[in-house]
């Protein structure tokens, strides 16, 4: 059985702690130097994008995505209207009827 930490003198604990901290600092320094050589000084290589400088960029992306979703919903509603007209309002089967109902609920009749 290995000795427990209580069996070691306090000086050993402190010496081991200091040695471990020194190892960690050396490792961090090496990592920092590697990142500096790859990415440039002061930049990280964690794969994260740069944070937005203003709120305008993310808001514009959200607006564009919303417009795309609205366009898709309008296209789907138009497709359903055409299907209904071609079939004189009688769905082929239960899945088509459900799709018509969902589209009507989402976009209005």
C-alpha atoms as a PDB file:
ATOM      1  CA  UNK A   1       0.000   0.000   0.000  1.00  0.00           C
ATOM      2  CA  UNK A   2       1.334   3.448  -0.945  1.00  0.00           C
ATOM      3  CA  UNK A   3       1.960   5.926   1.846  1.00  0.00           C
ATOM      4  CA  UNK A   4      -0.721   8.566   2.277  1.00  0.00           C
ATOM      5  CA  UNK A   5      -0.015  12.270   2.042  1.00  0.00           C
ATOM      6  CA  UNK A   6      -0.204  12.504   5.823  1.00  0.00           C
ATOM      7  CA  UNK A   7       2.907  10.328   6.079  1.00  0.00           C
ATOM      8  CA  UNK A   8       5.060  12.795   4.113  1.00  0.00           C
ATOM      9  CA  UNK A   9       6.625  15.815   5.778  1.00  0.00           C
ATOM     10  CA  UNK A  10       5.112  19.207   4.960  1.00  0.00           C
ATOM     11  CA  UNK A  11       8.326  20.229   3.201  1.00  0.00           C
ATOM     12  CA  UNK A  12       7.882  17.374   0.720  1.00  0.00           C
ATOM     13  CA  UNK A  13       4.346  18.558  -0.042  1.00  0.00           C
ATOM     14  CA  UNK A  14       5.564  22.077  -0.629  1.00  0.00           C
ATOM     15  CA  UNK A  15       8.501  20.960  -2.771  1.00  0.00           C
ATOM     16  CA  UNK A  16       6.273  18.718  -4.895  1.00  0.00           C
ATOM     17  CA  UNK A  17       3.726  21.496  -5.260  1.00  0.00           C
ATOM     18  CA  UNK A  18       6.382  24.013  -6.351  1.00  0.00           C
ATOM     19  CA  UNK A  19       7.835  21.506  -8.828  1.00  0.00           C
ATOM     20  CA  UNK A  20       4.403  20.798 -10.312  1.00  0.00           C
ATOM     21  CA  UNK A  21       3.624  24.501 -10.670  1.00  0.00           C
ATOM     22  CA  UNK A  22       6.977  25.047 -12.371  1.00  0.00           C
ATOM     23  CA  UNK A  23       6.203  22.195 -14.816  1.00  0.00           C
ATOM     24  CA  UNK A  24       2.798  23.698 -15.589  1.00  0.00           C
ATOM     25  CA  UNK A  25       4.287  27.142 -16.200  1.00  0.00           C
ATOM     26  CA  UNK A  26       6.936  25.687 -18.514  1.00  0.00           C
ATOM     27  CA  UNK A  27       4.268  23.796 -20.453  1.00  0.00           C
ATOM     28  CA  UNK A  28       2.133  26.931 -20.748  1.00  0.00           C
ATOM     29  CA  UNK A  29       5.147  28.873 -21.993  1.00  0.00           C
ATOM     30  CA  UNK A  30       5.867  26.251 -24.663  1.00  0.00           C
ATOM     31  CA  UNK A  31       2.233  26.257 -25.761  1.00  0.00           C
ATOM     32  CA  UNK A  32       2.229  30.051 -25.940  1.00  0.00           C
ATOM     33  CA  UNK A  33       5.391  30.055 -28.058  1.00  0.00           C
ATOM     34  CA  UNK A  34       3.912  27.443 -30.416  1.00  0.00           C
ATOM     35  CA  UNK A  35       0.702  29.451 -30.809  1.00  0.00           C
ATOM     36  CA  UNK A  36       2.677  32.654 -31.376  1.00  0.00           C
ATOM     37  CA  UNK A  37       4.653  30.978 -34.161  1.00  0.00           C
ATOM     38  CA  UNK A  38       1.451  29.656 -35.789  1.00  0.00           C
ATOM     39  CA  UNK A  39      -0.992  32.505 -35.207  1.00  0.00           C
ATOM     40  CA  UNK A  40       1.074  35.529 -34.302  1.00  0.00           C
ATOM     41  CA  UNK A  41       1.784  37.119 -30.936  1.00  0.00           C
ATOM     42  CA  UNK A  42      -1.174  37.539 -28.623  1.00  0.00           C
ATOM     43  CA  UNK A  43      -3.565  35.371 -30.682  1.00  0.00           C
ATOM     44  CA  UNK A  44      -4.966  32.032 -29.589  1.00  0.00           C
ATOM     45  CA  UNK A  45      -5.290  28.866 -31.620  1.00  0.00           C
ATOM     46  CA  UNK A  46      -8.495  27.575 -30.043  1.00  0.00           C
ATOM     47  CA  UNK A  47     -10.584  27.590 -33.210  1.00  0.00           C
ATOM     48  CA  UNK A  48     -13.011  30.187 -31.938  1.00  0.00           C
ATOM     49  CA  UNK A  49     -13.991  33.020 -34.257  1.00  0.00           C
ATOM     50  CA  UNK A  50     -13.194  36.594 -33.383  1.00  0.00           C
ATOM     51  CA  UNK A  51     -15.937  38.129 -31.249  1.00  0.00           C
ATOM     52  CA  UNK A  52     -18.151  40.609 -33.106  1.00  0.00           C
ATOM     53  CA  UNK A  53     -17.022  44.202 -32.786  1.00  0.00           C
ATOM     54  CA  UNK A  54     -20.595  45.502 -33.029  1.00  0.00           C
ATOM     55  CA  UNK A  55     -24.064  44.034 -32.747  1.00  0.00           C
ATOM     56  CA  UNK A  56     -24.791  44.837 -36.400  1.00  0.00           C
ATOM     57  CA  UNK A  57     -23.013  41.770 -37.828  1.00  0.00           C
ATOM     58  CA  UNK A  58     -24.851  39.088 -35.840  1.00  0.00           C
ATOM     59  CA  UNK A  59     -28.165  40.938 -36.184  1.00  0.00           C
ATOM     60  CA  UNK A  60     -27.765  41.062 -39.956  1.00  0.00           C
ATOM     61  CA  UNK A  61     -27.134  37.303 -40.025  1.00  0.00           C
ATOM     62  CA  UNK A  62     -30.254  36.722 -37.929  1.00  0.00           C
ATOM     63  CA  UNK A  63     -32.333  38.943 -40.214  1.00  0.00           C
ATOM     64  CA  UNK A  64     -31.044  37.136 -43.309  1.00  0.00           C
ATOM     65  CA  UNK A  65     -31.817  33.732 -41.761  1.00  0.00           C
ATOM     66  CA  UNK A  66     -35.302  34.902 -40.789  1.00  0.00           C
ATOM     67  CA  UNK A  67     -35.968  36.164 -44.316  1.00  0.00           C
ATOM     68  CA  UNK A  68     -34.799  32.828 -45.741  1.00  0.00           C
ATOM     69  CA  UNK A  69     -37.119  30.900 -43.407  1.00  0.00           C
ATOM     70  CA  UNK A  70     -40.036  33.188 -44.296  1.00  0.00           C
ATOM     71  CA  UNK A  71     -39.325  32.712 -48.016  1.00  0.00           C
ATOM     72  CA  UNK A  72     -39.265  28.924 -47.567  1.00  0.00           C
ATOM     73  CA  UNK A  73     -42.586  29.063 -45.678  1.00  0.00           C
ATOM     74  CA  UNK A  74     -44.173  31.161 -48.452  1.00  0.00           C
ATOM     75  CA  UNK A  75     -42.876  28.747 -51.108  1.00  0.00           C
ATOM     76  CA  UNK A  76     -44.260  25.762 -49.203  1.00  0.00           C
ATOM     77  CA  UNK A  77     -47.617  27.483 -48.711  1.00  0.00           C
ATOM     78  CA  UNK A  78     -47.788  28.240 -52.436  1.00  0.00           C
ATOM     79  CA  UNK A  79     -46.972  24.613 -53.236  1.00  0.00           C
ATOM     80  CA  UNK A  80     -49.784  23.461 -50.930  1.00  0.00           C
ATOM     81  CA  UNK A  81     -52.221  25.926 -52.544  1.00  0.00           C
ATOM     82  CA  UNK A  82     -51.331  24.570 -55.975  1.00  0.00           C
ATOM     83  CA  UNK A  83     -51.740  20.969 -54.794  1.00  0.00           C
ATOM     84  CA  UNK A  84     -55.130  21.786 -53.288  1.00  0.00           C
ATOM     85  CA  UNK A  85     -56.297  23.498 -56.441  1.00  0.00           C
ATOM     86  CA  UNK A  86     -55.089  20.637 -58.641  1.00  0.00           C
ATOM     87  CA  UNK A  87     -56.834  18.093 -56.425  1.00  0.00           C
ATOM     88  CA  UNK A  88     -59.959  20.246 -55.903  1.00  0.00           C
ATOM     89  CA  UNK A  89     -59.331  20.420 -52.149  1.00  0.00           C
ATOM     90  CA  UNK A  90     -59.230  16.640 -51.682  1.00  0.00           C
ATOM     91  CA  UNK A  91     -55.957  15.316 -50.255  1.00  0.00           C
ATOM     92  CA  UNK A  92     -54.499  12.137 -51.780  1.00  0.00           C
ATOM     93  CA  UNK A  93     -53.777  10.568 -48.428  1.00  0.00           C
ATOM     94  CA  UNK A  94     -53.503  11.239 -44.701  1.00  0.00           C
ATOM     95  CA  UNK A  95     -49.878  12.525 -44.799  1.00  0.00           C
ATOM     96  CA  UNK A  96     -50.796  15.079 -47.468  1.00  0.00           C
ATOM     97  CA  UNK A  97     -53.831  16.175 -45.449  1.00  0.00           C
ATOM     98  CA  UNK A  98     -51.630  16.660 -42.354  1.00  0.00           C
ATOM     99  CA  UNK A  99     -49.083  18.632 -44.389  1.00  0.00           C
ATOM    100  CA  UNK A 100     -51.862  20.883 -45.674  1.00  0.00           C
ATOM    101  CA  UNK A 101     -53.141  21.391 -42.121  1.00  0.00           C
ATOM    102  CA  UNK A 102     -49.674  22.224 -40.761  1.00  0.00           C
ATOM    103  CA  UNK A 103     -49.024  24.682 -43.575  1.00  0.00           C
ATOM    104  CA  UNK A 104     -52.407  26.352 -43.054  1.00  0.00           C
ATOM    105  CA  UNK A 105     -51.771  26.639 -39.308  1.00  0.00           C
ATOM    106  CA  UNK A 106     -48.318  28.155 -39.884  1.00  0.00           C
ATOM    107  CA  UNK A 107     -49.176  30.562 -42.698  1.00  0.00           C
ATOM    108  CA  UNK A 108     -52.934  30.969 -42.585  1.00  0.00           C
ATOM    109  CA  UNK A 109     -55.461  29.499 -45.039  1.00  0.00           C
END
